[in-house]
């Protein structure tokens, strides 16, 4: 039986939607893309990959705040 990971499917959808020309997008289309990206973020957040991304971003923000002082 073939299983499809929802996060992978949403990633493919986001990539396909973002490849379209900006001029051709309606406001509703942009809202749908934002909604899909938010759901993808919620699916990735509790995974080990999501935690690693969070750690990297936290280090980056910490480094930037340290350099500004």
PDB file of N, CA and C in Angstrom:
ATOM      1  N   UNK A   1       0.835  -1.178   0.000  1.00  0.00           N
ATOM      2  CA  UNK A   1       0.000   0.000   0.000  1.00  0.00           C
ATOM      3  C   UNK A   1       0.885   1.248   0.000  1.00  0.00           C
ATOM      4  N   UNK A   2       0.545   2.219  -0.819  1.00  0.00           N
ATOM      5  CA  UNK A   2       1.307   3.447  -0.942  1.00  0.00           C
ATOM      6  C   UNK A   2       0.763   4.479   0.038  1.00  0.00           C
ATOM      7  N   UNK A   3       1.647   5.059   0.827  1.00  0.00           N
ATOM      8  CA  UNK A   3       1.233   6.121   1.743  1.00  0.00           C
ATOM      9  C   UNK A   3       1.895   7.418   1.308  1.00  0.00           C
ATOM     10  N   UNK A   4       1.195   8.513   1.499  1.00  0.00           N
ATOM     11  CA  UNK A   4       1.715   9.826   1.138  1.00  0.00           C
ATOM     12  C   UNK A   4       1.790  10.661   2.409  1.00  0.00           C
ATOM     13  N   UNK A   5       2.956  11.177   2.671  1.00  0.00           N
ATOM     14  CA  UNK A   5       3.146  12.062   3.807  1.00  0.00           C
ATOM     15  C   UNK A   5       2.496  13.408   3.473  1.00  0.00           C
ATOM     16  N   UNK A   6       1.615  13.888   4.341  1.00  0.00           N
ATOM     17  CA  UNK A   6       0.883  15.123   4.081  1.00  0.00           C
ATOM     18  C   UNK A   6       1.838  16.308   3.973  1.00  0.00           C
ATOM     19  N   UNK A   7       2.878  16.337   4.781  1.00  0.00           N
ATOM     20  CA  UNK A   7       3.839  17.439   4.726  1.00  0.00           C
ATOM     21  C   UNK A   7       4.555  17.467   3.384  1.00  0.00           C
ATOM     22  N   UNK A   8       4.910  16.312   2.868  1.00  0.00           N
ATOM     23  CA  UNK A   8       5.573  16.257   1.563  1.00  0.00           C
ATOM     24  C   UNK A   8       4.619  16.715   0.467  1.00  0.00           C
ATOM     25  N   UNK A   9       3.379  16.275   0.537  1.00  0.00           N
ATOM     26  CA  UNK A   9       2.382  16.686  -0.443  1.00  0.00           C
ATOM     27  C   UNK A   9       2.171  18.200  -0.405  1.00  0.00           C
ATOM     28  N   UNK A  10       2.059  18.779   0.777  1.00  0.00           N
ATOM     29  CA  UNK A  10       1.890  20.227   0.895  1.00  0.00           C
ATOM     30  C   UNK A  10       3.129  20.976   0.402  1.00  0.00           C
ATOM     31  N   UNK A  11       4.305  20.421   0.622  1.00  0.00           N
ATOM     32  CA  UNK A  11       5.531  21.042   0.130  1.00  0.00           C
ATOM     33  C   UNK A  11       5.520  21.112  -1.389  1.00  0.00           C
ATOM     34  N   UNK A  12       5.111  20.042  -2.028  1.00  0.00           N
ATOM     35  CA  UNK A  12       5.027  20.021  -3.489  1.00  0.00           C
ATOM     36  C   UNK A  12       4.002  21.048  -3.971  1.00  0.00           C
ATOM     37  N   UNK A  13       2.861  21.121  -3.305  1.00  0.00           N
ATOM     38  CA  UNK A  13       1.826  22.092  -3.688  1.00  0.00           C
ATOM     39  C   UNK A  13       2.343  23.513  -3.542  1.00  0.00           C
ATOM     40  N   UNK A  14       3.046  23.807  -2.445  1.00  0.00           N
ATOM     41  CA  UNK A  14       3.584  25.157  -2.231  1.00  0.00           C
ATOM     42  C   UNK A  14       4.589  25.503  -3.320  1.00  0.00           C
ATOM     43  N   UNK A  15       5.468  24.588  -3.642  1.00  0.00           N
ATOM     44  CA  UNK A  15       6.477  24.848  -4.685  1.00  0.00           C
ATOM     45  C   UNK A  15       5.802  25.120  -6.018  1.00  0.00           C
ATOM     46  N   UNK A  16       4.803  24.321  -6.366  1.00  0.00           N
ATOM     47  CA  UNK A  16       4.102  24.530  -7.628  1.00  0.00           C
ATOM     48  C   UNK A  16       3.357  25.868  -7.650  1.00  0.00           C
ATOM     49  N   UNK A  17       2.744  26.228  -6.525  1.00  0.00           N
ATOM     50  CA  UNK A  17       2.002  27.494  -6.468  1.00  0.00           C
ATOM     51  C   UNK A  17       2.942  28.693  -6.515  1.00  0.00           C
ATOM     52  N   UNK A  18       4.103  28.612  -5.897  1.00  0.00           N
ATOM     53  CA  UNK A  18       5.030  29.736  -5.876  1.00  0.00           C
ATOM     54  C   UNK A  18       5.771  29.914  -7.202  1.00  0.00           C
ATOM     55  N   UNK A  19       5.780  28.889  -8.043  1.00  0.00           N
ATOM     56  CA  UNK A  19       6.442  29.000  -9.340  1.00  0.00           C
ATOM     57  C   UNK A  19       5.623  29.819 -10.338  1.00  0.00           C
ATOM     58  N   UNK A  20       4.339  30.012 -10.062  1.00  0.00           N
ATOM     59  CA  UNK A  20       3.492  30.774 -10.969  1.00  0.00           C
ATOM     60  C   UNK A  20       3.878  32.242 -10.973  1.00  0.00           C
ATOM     61  N   UNK A  21       3.542  32.931 -12.042  1.00  0.00           N
ATOM     62  CA  UNK A  21       3.852  34.355 -12.152  1.00  0.00           C
ATOM     63  C   UNK A  21       3.059  35.142 -11.116  1.00  0.00           C
ATOM     64  N   UNK A  22       3.699  36.147 -10.536  1.00  0.00           N
ATOM     65  CA  UNK A  22       3.062  36.957  -9.498  1.00  0.00           C
ATOM     66  C   UNK A  22       1.879  37.744 -10.050  1.00  0.00           C
ATOM     67  N   UNK A  23       1.989  38.244 -11.274  1.00  0.00           N
ATOM     68  CA  UNK A  23       0.928  39.068 -11.850  1.00  0.00           C
ATOM     69  C   UNK A  23      -0.371  38.280 -12.042  1.00  0.00           C
ATOM     70  N   UNK A  24      -0.260  36.974 -12.186  1.00  0.00           N
ATOM     71  CA  UNK A  24      -1.435  36.155 -12.473  1.00  0.00           C
ATOM     72  C   UNK A  24      -2.194  35.754 -11.212  1.00  0.00           C
ATOM     73  N   UNK A  25      -1.728  36.132 -10.037  1.00  0.00           N
ATOM     74  CA  UNK A  25      -2.366  35.697  -8.793  1.00  0.00           C
ATOM     75  C   UNK A  25      -3.437  36.677  -8.342  1.00  0.00           C
ATOM     76  N   UNK A  26      -4.541  36.124  -7.903  1.00  0.00           N
ATOM     77  CA  UNK A  26      -5.582  36.960  -7.313  1.00  0.00           C
ATOM     78  C   UNK A  26      -5.351  37.027  -5.805  1.00  0.00           C
ATOM     79  N   UNK A  27      -6.085  37.894  -5.140  1.00  0.00           N
ATOM     80  CA  UNK A  27      -5.952  38.016  -3.693  1.00  0.00           C
ATOM     81  C   UNK A  27      -6.370  36.715  -3.004  1.00  0.00           C
ATOM     82  N   UNK A  28      -7.412  36.070  -3.509  1.00  0.00           N
ATOM     83  CA  UNK A  28      -7.860  34.799  -2.933  1.00  0.00           C
ATOM     84  C   UNK A  28      -6.803  33.715  -3.118  1.00  0.00           C
ATOM     85  N   UNK A  29      -6.117  33.728  -4.267  1.00  0.00           N
ATOM     86  CA  UNK A  29      -5.065  32.763  -4.525  1.00  0.00           C
ATOM     87  C   UNK A  29      -3.899  32.971  -3.559  1.00  0.00           C
ATOM     88  N   UNK A  30      -3.549  34.220  -3.294  1.00  0.00           N
ATOM     89  CA  UNK A  30      -2.471  34.505  -2.344  1.00  0.00           C
ATOM     90  C   UNK A  30      -2.854  34.072  -0.930  1.00  0.00           C
ATOM     91  N   UNK A  31      -4.109  34.289  -0.553  1.00  0.00           N
ATOM     92  CA  UNK A  31      -4.569  33.860   0.777  1.00  0.00           C
ATOM     93  C   UNK A  31      -4.519  32.337   0.903  1.00  0.00           C
ATOM     94  N   UNK A  32      -4.880  31.626  -0.159  1.00  0.00           N
ATOM     95  CA  UNK A  32      -4.836  30.159  -0.133  1.00  0.00           C
ATOM     96  C   UNK A  32      -3.394  29.680   0.018  1.00  0.00           C
ATOM     97  N   UNK A  33      -2.457  30.328  -0.668  1.00  0.00           N
ATOM     98  CA  UNK A  33      -1.049  29.954  -0.548  1.00  0.00           C
ATOM     99  C   UNK A  33      -0.550  30.174   0.871  1.00  0.00           C
ATOM    100  N   UNK A  34      -0.921  31.290   1.474  1.00  0.00           N
ATOM    101  CA  UNK A  34      -0.518  31.568   2.858  1.00  0.00           C
ATOM    102  C   UNK A  34      -1.100  30.520   3.799  1.00  0.00           C
ATOM    103  N   UNK A  35      -2.346  30.158   3.609  1.00  0.00           N
ATOM    104  CA  UNK A  35      -2.984  29.141   4.445  1.00  0.00           C
ATOM    105  C   UNK A  35      -2.274  27.790   4.312  1.00  0.00           C
ATOM    106  N   UNK A  36      -1.937  27.412   3.093  1.00  0.00           N
ATOM    107  CA  UNK A  36      -1.236  26.137   2.877  1.00  0.00           C
ATOM    108  C   UNK A  36       0.137  26.158   3.545  1.00  0.00           C
ATOM    109  N   UNK A  37       0.842  27.277   3.441  1.00  0.00           N
ATOM    110  CA  UNK A  37       2.168  27.382   4.059  1.00  0.00           C
ATOM    111  C   UNK A  37       2.054  27.314   5.583  1.00  0.00           C
ATOM    112  N   UNK A  38       1.030  27.945   6.149  1.00  0.00           N
ATOM    113  CA  UNK A  38       0.837  27.876   7.603  1.00  0.00           C
ATOM    114  C   UNK A  38       0.549  26.452   8.063  1.00  0.00           C
ATOM    115  N   UNK A  39      -0.285  25.739   7.329  1.00  0.00           N
ATOM    116  CA  UNK A  39      -0.576  24.345   7.681  1.00  0.00           C
ATOM    117  C   UNK A  39       0.685  23.505   7.563  1.00  0.00           C
ATOM    118  N   UNK A  40       1.479  23.742   6.523  1.00  0.00           N
ATOM    119  CA  UNK A  40       2.742  23.018   6.366  1.00  0.00           C
ATOM    120  C   UNK A  40       3.663  23.288   7.555  1.00  0.00           C
ATOM    121  N   UNK A  41       3.727  24.543   7.994  1.00  0.00           N
ATOM    122  CA  UNK A  41       4.547  24.875   9.165  1.00  0.00           C
ATOM    123  C   UNK A  41       4.078  24.164  10.415  1.00  0.00           C
ATOM    124  N   UNK A  42       2.765  24.073  10.588  1.00  0.00           N
ATOM    125  CA  UNK A  42       2.232  23.368  11.758  1.00  0.00           C
ATOM    126  C   UNK A  42       2.530  21.879  11.700  1.00  0.00           C
ATOM    127  N   UNK A  43       2.560  21.309  10.507  1.00  0.00           N
ATOM    128  CA  UNK A  43       2.873  19.889  10.376  1.00  0.00           C
ATOM    129  C   UNK A  43       4.359  19.612  10.609  1.00  0.00           C
ATOM    130  N   UNK A  44       5.215  20.548  10.211  1.00  0.00           N
ATOM    131  CA  UNK A  44       6.660  20.335  10.356  1.00  0.00           C
ATOM    132  C   UNK A  44       7.188  20.685  11.736  1.00  0.00           C
ATOM    133  N   UNK A  45       6.502  21.565  12.448  1.00  0.00           N
ATOM    134  CA  UNK A  45       7.013  22.067  13.726  1.00  0.00           C
ATOM    135  C   UNK A  45       7.340  20.971  14.744  1.00  0.00           C
ATOM    136  N   UNK A  46       6.478  19.977  14.976  1.00  0.00           N
ATOM    137  CA  UNK A  46       6.807  18.995  16.009  1.00  0.00           C
ATOM    138  C   UNK A  46       7.784  17.905  15.555  1.00  0.00           C
ATOM    139  N   UNK A  47       8.187  17.902  14.291  1.00  0.00           N
ATOM    140  CA  UNK A  47       9.091  16.865  13.795  1.00  0.00           C
ATOM    141  C   UNK A  47      10.532  17.207  14.160  1.00  0.00           C
ATOM    142  N   UNK A  48      11.439  16.240  14.123  1.00  0.00           N
ATOM    143  CA  UNK A  48      12.851  16.533  14.378  1.00  0.00           C
ATOM    144  C   UNK A  48      13.411  17.566  13.392  1.00  0.00           C
ATOM    145  N   UNK A  49      12.985  17.508  12.132  1.00  0.00           N
ATOM    146  CA  UNK A  49      13.427  18.493  11.145  1.00  0.00           C
ATOM    147  C   UNK A  49      12.959  19.892  11.539  1.00  0.00           C
ATOM    148  N   UNK A  50      11.717  20.007  11.959  1.00  0.00           N
ATOM    149  CA  UNK A  50      11.172  21.298  12.383  1.00  0.00           C
ATOM    150  C   UNK A  50      11.897  21.844  13.595  1.00  0.00           C
ATOM    151  N   UNK A  51      12.241  20.978  14.537  1.00  0.00           N
ATOM    152  CA  UNK A  51      12.981  21.419  15.720  1.00  0.00           C
ATOM    153  C   UNK A  51      14.386  21.880  15.354  1.00  0.00           C
ATOM    154  N   UNK A  52      15.008  21.202  14.393  1.00  0.00           N
ATOM    155  CA  UNK A  52      16.345  21.605  13.945  1.00  0.00           C
ATOM    156  C   UNK A  52      16.291  22.976  13.274  1.00  0.00           C
ATOM    157  N   UNK A  53      15.289  23.214  12.446  1.00  0.00           N
ATOM    158  CA  UNK A  53      15.123  24.523  11.812  1.00  0.00           C
ATOM    159  C   UNK A  53      14.910  25.597  12.879  1.00  0.00           C
ATOM    160  N   UNK A  54      14.098  25.289  13.884  1.00  0.00           N
ATOM    161  CA  UNK A  54      13.859  26.243  14.972  1.00  0.00           C
ATOM    162  C   UNK A  54      15.151  26.567  15.716  1.00  0.00           C
ATOM    163  N   UNK A  55      15.966  25.551  15.988  1.00  0.00           N
ATOM    164  CA  UNK A  55      17.239  25.775  16.672  1.00  0.00           C
ATOM    165  C   UNK A  55      18.177  26.654  15.835  1.00  0.00           C
ATOM    166  N   UNK A  56      18.234  26.400  14.534  1.00  0.00           N
ATOM    167  CA  UNK A  56      19.093  27.189  13.650  1.00  0.00           C
ATOM    168  C   UNK A  56      18.628  28.637  13.615  1.00  0.00           C
ATOM    169  N   UNK A  57      17.328  28.842  13.500  1.00  0.00           N
ATOM    170  CA  UNK A  57      16.798  30.209  13.492  1.00  0.00           C
ATOM    171  C   UNK A  57      17.036  30.917  14.819  1.00  0.00           C
ATOM    172  N   UNK A  58      16.914  30.187  15.915  1.00  0.00           N
ATOM    173  CA  UNK A  58      17.162  30.788  17.228  1.00  0.00           C
ATOM    174  C   UNK A  58      18.618  31.219  17.353  1.00  0.00           C
ATOM    175  N   UNK A  59      19.548  30.390  16.869  1.00  0.00           N
ATOM    176  CA  UNK A  59      20.961  30.753  16.904  1.00  0.00           C
ATOM    177  C   UNK A  59      21.237  31.963  16.017  1.00  0.00           C
ATOM    178  N   UNK A  60      20.596  32.005  14.847  1.00  0.00           N
ATOM    179  CA  UNK A  60      20.780  33.127  13.936  1.00  0.00           C
ATOM    180  C   UNK A  60      20.283  34.430  14.558  1.00  0.00           C
ATOM    181  N   UNK A  61      19.102  34.397  15.146  1.00  0.00           N
ATOM    182  CA  UNK A  61      18.548  35.595  15.789  1.00  0.00           C
ATOM    183  C   UNK A  61      19.407  36.015  16.976  1.00  0.00           C
ATOM    184  N   UNK A  62      19.874  35.042  17.747  1.00  0.00           N
ATOM    185  CA  UNK A  62      20.739  35.355  18.881  1.00  0.00           C
ATOM    186  C   UNK A  62      22.036  35.999  18.405  1.00  0.00           C
ATOM    187  N   UNK A  63      22.615  35.468  17.336  1.00  0.00           N
ATOM    188  CA  UNK A  63      23.846  36.043  16.789  1.00  0.00           C
ATOM    189  C   UNK A  63      23.643  37.449  16.270  1.00  0.00           C
ATOM    190  N   UNK A  64      22.510  37.681  15.607  1.00  0.00           N
ATOM    191  CA  UNK A  64      22.220  39.015  15.101  1.00  0.00           C
ATOM    192  C   UNK A  64      21.983  40.020  16.233  1.00  0.00           C
ATOM    193  N   UNK A  65      21.319  39.579  17.293  1.00  0.00           N
ATOM    194  CA  UNK A  65      21.091  40.492  18.409  1.00  0.00           C
ATOM    195  C   UNK A  65      22.387  40.785  19.160  1.00  0.00           C
ATOM    196  N   UNK A  66      23.283  39.808  19.230  1.00  0.00           N
ATOM    197  CA  UNK A  66      24.575  40.026  19.879  1.00  0.00           C
ATOM    198  C   UNK A  66      25.439  41.000  19.076  1.00  0.00           C
ATOM    199  N   UNK A  67      25.374  40.914  17.751  1.00  0.00           N
ATOM    200  CA  UNK A  67      26.208  41.779  16.915  1.00  0.00           C
ATOM    201  C   UNK A  67      25.715  43.220  16.916  1.00  0.00           C
ATOM    202  N   UNK A  68      24.428  43.424  17.246  1.00  0.00           N
ATOM    203  CA  UNK A  68      23.879  44.769  17.281  1.00  0.00           C
ATOM    204  C   UNK A  68      24.215  45.544  18.541  1.00  0.00           C
ATOM    205  N   UNK A  69      24.800  44.894  19.528  1.00  0.00           N
ATOM    206  CA  UNK A  69      25.099  45.569  20.794  1.00  0.00           C
ATOM    207  C   UNK A  69      26.452  46.201  20.800  1.00  0.00           C
TER     208      UNK A  69
END
